Amino acid sequence: MNAIAHTDELALEALRPGPVQPLTQVPNRIAQDGSPAGIMLAMAQYGVSAADLRELLSMQREWRADEARNAFNAALAAFKSEPVYVRKTKAVGYETQKGDFVGYKHAELSDVVAAVGPALAKHGLSHRWDVTQTKDWISVKCILKHAAGHSESVEMGGPPDNSGKKNAIQQIASTVSYLQRYTLKAITGVAEENDDDDGQGGADDAATYSEESFRANLPQWSELILSGRKSADQIIASVESRGAPMTDQQKADLKTIAN
């Protein structure tokens, strides 16, 4: 039983009918307690009114909330001192015939949870998500809570992810997973090394198609374009669908072949 709960029991005992006791008979451990509950017990010995006691109970709730908030802030500061590293295990792109990787990597939700979970638990912190959805919008709220009761949250939203050939359920799942990952990173303040947006609308952050690979494939592409079997735009789309955008110069070089 913690000190506050014990104080509450003593305070309730003081509210039961009985002879008024002088302050000198109040247990020392309560008289010396600076909490609102301790003060309430001491005052109850003198027959303080129920209205005044209710005000003191309100003070006690505020005091507990402040204590919980302080405990949360201390725990979060301690968590920040932990060496948390979020690994990027998900590769988006392809390997060339020479074994070189063209594309980029990012962390999956499981990578972020694995990185922050043990460190959060070590300091009495835990996380969970609330998910709400309308027809065209999904909102995810990540709630970070301390064992003492205080919690804070971060919320983000977005439409279902209709990229690729996902069905309706997969579109929702993709967006939820993406938002869970980013809200957890936001509320804990962690980041992946060289953090980016996973190529979702941020092509400048993804690795571009290597010049070496472009020059190696250019003769074959030129033959396809000149024979009419493929257009420059079709080749560009095929390459970029694998995760590595071509540079503006590479696109221009391909398009000049047919001219």
Protein backbone atom coordinates (compact mmCIF):
# COMPACT_ATOMS: atom_id res chain seq x y z
CA MET A 1 0.00 0.00 0.00
CA ASN A 2 1.48 3.36 -0.95
CA ALA A 3 1.68 6.41 1.33
CA ILE A 4 -1.15 8.29 -0.39
CA ALA A 5 -3.57 5.35 -0.19
CA HIS A 6 -2.70 4.86 3.48
CA THR A 7 -3.30 8.55 4.15
CA ASP A 8 -6.68 8.32 2.40
CA GLU A 9 -7.77 5.47 4.67
CA LEU A 10 -6.80 7.44 7.74
CA ALA A 11 -8.63 10.48 6.38
CA LEU A 12 -11.82 8.46 5.87
CA GLU A 13 -11.51 7.07 9.39
CA ALA A 14 -11.38 10.66 10.66
CA LEU A 15 -14.70 11.43 8.93
CA ARG A 16 -16.55 8.66 10.81
CA PRO A 17 -18.57 9.85 13.87
CA GLY A 18 -16.61 9.91 17.05
CA PRO A 19 -15.23 12.20 19.72
CA VAL A 20 -13.13 15.13 18.55
CA GLN A 21 -9.51 14.52 19.35
CA PRO A 22 -6.96 17.20 20.13
CA LEU A 23 -4.28 17.74 17.51
CA THR A 24 -1.71 16.27 19.87
CA GLN A 25 -3.42 12.89 19.48
CA VAL A 26 -3.19 12.89 15.68
CA PRO A 27 -0.54 10.36 14.60
CA ASN A 28 2.76 12.11 13.98
CA ARG A 29 3.16 10.57 10.54
CA ILE A 30 -0.10 12.32 9.47
CA ALA A 31 0.36 15.62 11.24
CA GLN A 32 3.75 15.93 9.59
CA ASP A 33 2.38 14.95 6.15
CA GLY A 34 2.35 17.98 3.86
CA SER A 35 -0.15 16.44 1.41
CA PRO A 36 -3.76 17.70 1.24
CA ALA A 37 -4.94 14.35 2.65
CA GLY A 38 -2.70 14.78 5.66
CA ILE A 39 -3.93 18.32 6.20
CA MET A 40 -7.54 17.11 5.80
CA LEU A 41 -7.09 14.49 8.49
CA ALA A 42 -5.55 16.96 10.87
CA MET A 43 -8.38 19.45 10.30
CA ALA A 44 -11.04 16.75 10.65
CA GLN A 45 -9.94 16.26 14.24
CA TYR A 46 -11.29 19.76 14.92
CA GLY A 47 -14.67 19.10 13.27
CA VAL A 48 -14.05 20.98 9.99
CA SER A 49 -17.19 21.23 7.81
CA ALA A 50 -17.97 18.82 4.97
CA ALA A 51 -17.76 21.68 2.44
CA ASP A 52 -14.24 22.52 3.57
CA LEU A 53 -13.28 18.86 3.42
CA ARG A 54 -14.63 18.60 -0.13
CA GLU A 55 -12.46 21.57 -1.07
CA LEU A 56 -9.50 19.80 0.45
CA LEU A 57 -10.28 16.66 -1.54
CA SER A 58 -10.29 18.79 -4.69
CA MET A 59 -6.90 20.14 -3.66
CA GLN A 60 -5.72 16.59 -3.18
CA ARG A 61 -6.75 15.64 -6.72
CA GLU A 62 -4.89 18.63 -8.12
CA TRP A 63 -1.86 17.76 -6.04
CA ARG A 64 -1.90 14.16 -7.30
CA ALA A 65 -2.21 15.37 -10.91
CA ASP A 66 0.79 17.66 -10.43
CA GLU A 67 2.80 14.84 -8.89
CA ALA A 68 1.87 12.52 -11.77
CA ARG A 69 2.84 15.17 -14.33
CA ASN A 70 6.18 15.70 -12.61
CA ALA A 71 6.79 11.95 -12.56
CA PHE A 72 5.94 11.74 -16.28
CA ASN A 73 8.36 14.56 -17.14
CA ALA A 74 11.13 13.00 -15.07
CA ALA A 75 10.59 9.60 -16.68
CA LEU A 76 10.57 11.06 -20.19
CA ALA A 77 13.80 12.93 -19.46
CA ALA A 78 15.36 9.69 -18.23
CA PHE A 79 14.14 7.89 -21.36
CA LYS A 80 15.80 10.56 -23.51
CA SER A 81 19.14 9.68 -21.94
CA GLU A 82 18.86 6.09 -23.17
CA PRO A 83 20.82 5.13 -26.32
CA VAL A 84 17.76 4.36 -28.47
CA TYR A 85 18.61 3.45 -32.07
CA VAL A 86 15.89 2.80 -34.65
CA ARG A 87 17.17 0.36 -37.28
CA LYS A 88 16.15 0.66 -40.93
CA THR A 89 15.38 -2.88 -42.03
CA LYS A 90 12.88 -2.34 -44.86
CA ALA A 91 14.56 -2.01 -48.26
CA VAL A 92 12.69 -0.38 -51.14
CA GLY A 93 14.44 -0.75 -54.49
CA TYR A 94 16.38 -3.46 -56.28
CA GLU A 95 19.84 -4.95 -56.75
CA THR A 96 21.77 -4.50 -59.97
CA GLN A 97 23.49 -7.36 -61.76
CA LYS A 98 26.69 -6.26 -60.03
CA GLY A 99 25.07 -6.65 -56.62
CA ASP A 100 24.70 -2.92 -55.94
CA PHE A 101 21.49 -1.80 -54.20
CA VAL A 102 19.55 1.00 -55.85
CA GLY A 103 16.86 2.56 -53.65
CA TYR A 104 16.51 3.40 -49.97
CA LYS A 105 15.75 1.85 -46.60
CA HIS A 106 13.36 2.82 -43.83
CA ALA A 107 12.26 1.48 -40.46
CA GLU A 108 9.04 -0.49 -40.13
CA LEU A 109 6.62 -0.11 -37.21
CA SER A 110 8.10 -3.19 -35.54
CA ASP A 111 11.57 -1.61 -35.70
CA VAL A 112 10.38 1.52 -33.87
CA VAL A 113 8.47 -0.48 -31.23
CA ALA A 114 11.46 -2.77 -30.65
CA ALA A 115 13.74 0.24 -30.24
CA VAL A 116 11.64 2.36 -27.85
CA GLY A 117 9.57 -0.26 -26.00
CA PRO A 118 12.17 -1.60 -23.52
CA ALA A 119 13.54 1.87 -22.76
CA LEU A 120 10.03 3.24 -22.14
CA ALA A 121 9.11 0.36 -19.84
CA LYS A 122 12.35 0.80 -17.91
CA HIS A 123 11.12 4.24 -16.81
CA GLY A 124 7.49 3.37 -16.16
CA LEU A 125 6.21 4.55 -19.56
CA SER A 126 3.95 2.73 -22.01
CA HIS A 127 2.24 3.57 -25.28
CA ARG A 128 -0.93 2.69 -27.13
CA TRP A 129 -2.89 3.94 -30.15
CA ASP A 130 -6.46 5.06 -30.75
CA VAL A 131 -7.60 4.76 -34.38
CA THR A 132 -10.63 6.53 -35.86
CA GLN A 133 -11.79 6.43 -39.46
CA THR A 134 -14.22 8.18 -41.76
CA LYS A 135 -14.83 7.35 -45.40
CA ASP A 136 -11.73 9.06 -46.77
CA TRP A 137 -9.62 9.82 -43.69
CA ILE A 138 -7.85 7.83 -40.99
CA SER A 139 -6.65 9.38 -37.73
CA VAL A 140 -4.21 7.73 -35.35
CA LYS A 141 -3.47 9.04 -31.87
CA CYS A 142 -0.44 7.71 -29.97
CA ILE A 143 -0.85 8.00 -26.20
CA LEU A 144 2.20 7.89 -23.94
CA LYS A 145 1.31 7.16 -20.31
CA HIS A 146 3.32 6.97 -17.09
CA ALA A 147 2.63 4.50 -14.29
CA ALA A 148 1.68 7.42 -12.04
CA GLY A 149 -1.26 8.21 -14.33
CA HIS A 150 -0.27 11.24 -16.42
CA SER A 151 -0.44 10.86 -20.21
CA GLU A 152 0.23 12.93 -23.32
CA SER A 153 -0.57 12.25 -26.96
CA VAL A 154 0.23 13.06 -30.59
CA GLU A 155 -2.32 12.67 -33.39
CA MET A 156 -1.81 12.46 -37.16
CA GLY A 157 -4.10 11.59 -40.06
CA GLY A 158 -4.15 10.74 -43.74
CA PRO A 159 -6.18 9.08 -46.51
CA PRO A 160 -6.07 5.33 -47.23
CA ASP A 161 -2.89 4.40 -49.11
CA ASN A 162 -4.08 3.53 -52.61
CA SER A 163 -0.60 3.19 -54.12
CA GLY A 164 0.28 -0.01 -55.92
CA LYS A 165 -2.33 -2.73 -56.21
CA LYS A 166 -3.63 -2.76 -52.63
CA ASN A 167 -7.20 -3.81 -51.91
CA ALA A 168 -9.41 -1.68 -49.64
CA ILE A 169 -8.34 -3.40 -46.42
CA GLN A 170 -4.66 -3.23 -47.33
CA GLN A 171 -4.99 0.49 -48.09
CA ILE A 172 -6.35 1.12 -44.59
CA ALA A 173 -3.76 -1.13 -42.93
CA SER A 174 -0.91 0.59 -44.75
CA THR A 175 -2.01 4.05 -43.62
CA VAL A 176 -2.64 2.93 -40.04
CA SER A 177 0.80 1.32 -39.79
CA TYR A 178 2.46 4.40 -41.29
CA LEU A 179 0.68 6.76 -38.86
CA GLN A 180 1.37 4.50 -35.87
CA ARG A 181 5.05 4.57 -36.70
CA TYR A 182 5.26 8.33 -37.07
CA THR A 183 3.10 9.20 -34.05
CA LEU A 184 5.20 6.92 -31.85
CA LYS A 185 8.38 8.54 -33.12
CA ALA A 186 6.87 11.99 -32.56
CA ILE A 187 5.65 11.42 -28.99
CA THR A 188 8.95 9.84 -27.92
CA GLY A 189 11.15 12.22 -29.91
CA VAL A 190 13.18 9.48 -31.60
CA ALA A 191 14.21 9.43 -35.25
CA GLU A 192 15.71 7.04 -37.71
CA GLU A 193 19.24 7.79 -38.84
CA ASN A 194 19.01 10.08 -41.92
CA ASP A 195 15.26 10.17 -41.36
CA ASP A 196 13.09 10.77 -44.45
CA ASP A 197 9.51 10.25 -45.57
CA ASP A 198 10.03 6.75 -47.01
CA GLY A 199 9.82 8.17 -50.52
CA GLN A 200 6.14 9.03 -50.03
CA GLY A 201 6.11 12.30 -51.91
CA GLY A 202 9.74 13.09 -51.19
CA ALA A 203 11.76 11.88 -54.14
CA ASP A 204 14.65 14.17 -53.29
CA ASP A 205 15.31 12.07 -50.17
CA ALA A 206 15.46 8.75 -52.04
CA ALA A 207 18.58 7.53 -53.79
CA THR A 208 18.45 8.31 -57.51
CA TYR A 209 19.26 5.82 -60.25
CA SER A 210 23.01 5.48 -60.41
CA GLU A 211 24.84 7.01 -63.35
CA GLU A 212 26.91 3.85 -63.71
CA SER A 213 23.80 1.71 -64.14
CA PHE A 214 22.27 4.24 -66.51
CA ARG A 215 25.28 4.20 -68.84
CA ALA A 216 25.47 0.41 -68.72
CA ASN A 217 21.83 0.03 -69.77
CA LEU A 218 21.74 2.93 -72.25
CA PRO A 219 22.73 0.89 -75.36
CA GLN A 220 19.93 -1.64 -74.76
CA TRP A 221 17.40 1.12 -74.06
CA SER A 222 18.49 3.00 -77.18
CA GLU A 223 17.82 -0.13 -79.27
CA LEU A 224 14.35 -0.51 -77.74
CA ILE A 225 13.49 3.12 -78.36
CA LEU A 226 14.81 3.24 -81.95
CA SER A 227 13.01 -0.02 -82.85
CA GLY A 228 9.75 1.38 -81.53
CA ARG A 229 9.28 -1.43 -79.00
CA LYS A 230 9.51 0.94 -76.04
CA SER A 231 9.22 4.69 -75.57
CA ALA A 232 11.52 6.74 -73.36
CA ASP A 233 8.61 7.42 -71.00
CA GLN A 234 7.89 3.70 -70.67
CA ILE A 235 11.51 2.95 -69.78
CA ILE A 236 11.58 5.78 -67.24
CA ALA A 237 8.36 4.55 -65.63
CA SER A 238 9.68 0.98 -65.49
CA VAL A 239 12.92 2.04 -63.78
CA GLU A 240 11.25 4.38 -61.28
CA SER A 241 8.61 1.80 -60.33
CA ARG A 242 11.45 -0.12 -58.68
CA GLY A 243 12.05 2.69 -56.19
CA ALA A 244 14.90 4.75 -57.69
CA PRO A 245 13.94 7.97 -59.51
CA MET A 246 15.97 8.98 -62.54
CA THR A 247 17.68 12.34 -62.59
CA ASP A 248 16.39 15.06 -64.89
CA GLN A 249 19.51 14.68 -67.04
CA GLN A 250 19.03 10.92 -67.42
CA LYS A 251 15.44 11.45 -68.53
CA ALA A 252 16.51 14.09 -71.01
CA ASP A 253 19.21 11.81 -72.45
CA LEU A 254 16.64 9.04 -73.04
CA LYS A 255 14.14 11.36 -74.67
CA THR A 256 16.69 12.74 -77.10
CA ILE A 257 17.31 9.26 -78.56
CA ALA A 258 14.04 9.25 -80.51
CA ASN A 259 14.56 12.78 -81.89
